[in-house]
Amino acid sequence: MVGDICFVGEPDDQGEIEIGYGMYEEFRGKGFMTEAVGRIILWAKAQPKVKSIFAATEKDNVASYSILEKNNFIHIGEIDDMMSWKIVFG
């Protein structure tokens, strides 16, 4: 195992679902999680109830939010030390 990725619960009433992910240190910087996030986006797009994906990252975790940027997430806000990201389908 190189890391993990998951949906945090089911889509809400607006069809938004949250993802979370993490990588083991020795596998970071190799593109594995960028590809995994891209694949989970493709899967989510094919689900009729899912309209968008939300993710949160720490402000100082450049590697984590770079993965989201590479997968076309948009920075939508900040609270304390966290940044919020979203990708909308259609």
Protein backbone atom coordinates (compact mmCIF):
# COMPACT_ATOMS: atom_id res chain seq x y z
CA MET A 1 0.00 0.00 0.00
CA VAL A 2 1.33 3.44 -0.95
CA GLY A 3 -1.45 5.54 0.59
CA ASP A 4 -5.19 5.77 0.86
CA ILE A 5 -8.09 7.69 -0.61
CA CYS A 6 -11.74 7.65 0.37
CA PHE A 7 -15.11 9.31 0.16
CA VAL A 8 -16.17 10.87 3.47
CA GLY A 9 -19.78 9.72 3.69
CA GLU A 10 -22.40 9.89 0.97
CA PRO A 11 -23.37 12.81 -1.28
CA ASP A 12 -25.31 15.57 0.53
CA ASP A 13 -28.64 16.99 -0.68
CA GLN A 14 -26.83 19.09 -3.32
CA GLY A 15 -24.91 16.08 -4.65
CA GLU A 16 -21.60 17.09 -3.06
CA ILE A 17 -19.26 14.46 -1.70
CA GLU A 18 -16.00 14.92 0.20
CA ILE A 19 -12.74 13.09 -0.43
CA GLY A 20 -9.79 12.53 1.85
CA TYR A 21 -6.38 11.07 1.03
CA GLY A 22 -2.88 10.51 2.33
CA MET A 23 0.43 9.05 1.16
CA TYR A 24 3.17 7.21 2.97
CA GLU A 25 6.30 9.35 2.94
CA GLU A 26 8.46 7.03 0.85
CA PHE A 27 5.93 7.17 -2.02
CA ARG A 28 5.35 10.93 -2.10
CA GLY A 29 6.28 12.96 -5.16
CA LYS A 30 5.82 10.11 -7.63
CA GLY A 31 2.36 11.08 -8.95
CA PHE A 32 0.47 8.18 -7.39
CA MET A 33 -2.03 10.33 -5.51
CA THR A 34 -2.49 12.77 -8.38
CA GLU A 35 -3.52 9.80 -10.52
CA ALA A 36 -5.70 8.31 -7.76
CA VAL A 37 -7.59 11.58 -7.28
CA GLY A 38 -8.05 11.82 -11.06
CA ARG A 39 -9.51 8.31 -11.13
CA ILE A 40 -11.86 8.91 -8.21
CA ILE A 41 -13.10 12.04 -10.01
CA LEU A 42 -13.86 9.97 -13.11
CA TRP A 43 -15.74 7.42 -11.03
CA ALA A 44 -17.69 10.13 -9.18
CA LYS A 45 -18.67 11.85 -12.45
CA ALA A 46 -20.33 8.62 -13.57
CA GLN A 47 -22.54 8.52 -10.45
CA PRO A 48 -25.91 10.20 -11.08
CA LYS A 49 -26.20 11.59 -7.52
CA VAL A 50 -22.73 13.22 -7.45
CA LYS A 51 -22.58 16.81 -8.72
CA SER A 52 -19.36 18.03 -7.06
CA ILE A 53 -16.43 16.96 -4.88
CA PHE A 54 -15.12 18.88 -1.87
CA ALA A 55 -11.69 18.54 -0.25
CA ALA A 56 -9.86 20.36 2.54
CA THR A 57 -6.10 20.74 2.99
CA GLU A 58 -3.87 22.47 5.49
CA LYS A 59 -2.56 25.80 4.19
CA ASP A 60 1.06 24.73 4.59
CA ASN A 61 0.60 21.35 2.85
CA VAL A 62 1.60 22.46 -0.65
CA ALA A 63 1.99 18.87 -1.88
CA SER A 64 -1.58 18.01 -0.91
CA TYR A 65 -3.26 20.99 -2.50
CA SER A 66 -1.02 20.71 -5.59
CA ILE A 67 -2.69 17.34 -6.20
CA LEU A 68 -6.07 19.08 -6.19
CA GLU A 69 -4.88 21.88 -8.47
CA LYS A 70 -3.51 19.34 -10.96
CA ASN A 71 -6.97 17.75 -10.99
CA ASN A 72 -8.77 21.07 -11.66
CA PHE A 73 -10.14 21.71 -8.18
CA ILE A 74 -10.84 25.37 -7.44
CA HIS A 75 -9.78 27.04 -4.18
CA ILE A 76 -13.06 28.23 -2.64
CA GLY A 77 -12.08 29.54 0.79
CA GLU A 78 -10.07 29.34 3.99
CA ILE A 79 -10.85 28.88 7.67
CA ASP A 80 -8.03 29.12 10.20
CA ASP A 81 -5.22 26.87 8.88
CA MET A 82 -7.40 24.99 6.37
CA MET A 83 -8.12 25.63 2.68
CA SER A 84 -11.30 24.44 0.97
CA TRP A 85 -11.36 23.09 -2.59
CA LYS A 86 -14.12 22.04 -4.97
CA ILE A 87 -14.67 20.59 -8.40
CA VAL A 88 -18.11 20.81 -10.02
CA PHE A 89 -19.34 18.52 -12.81
CA GLY A 90 -21.24 19.76 -15.82
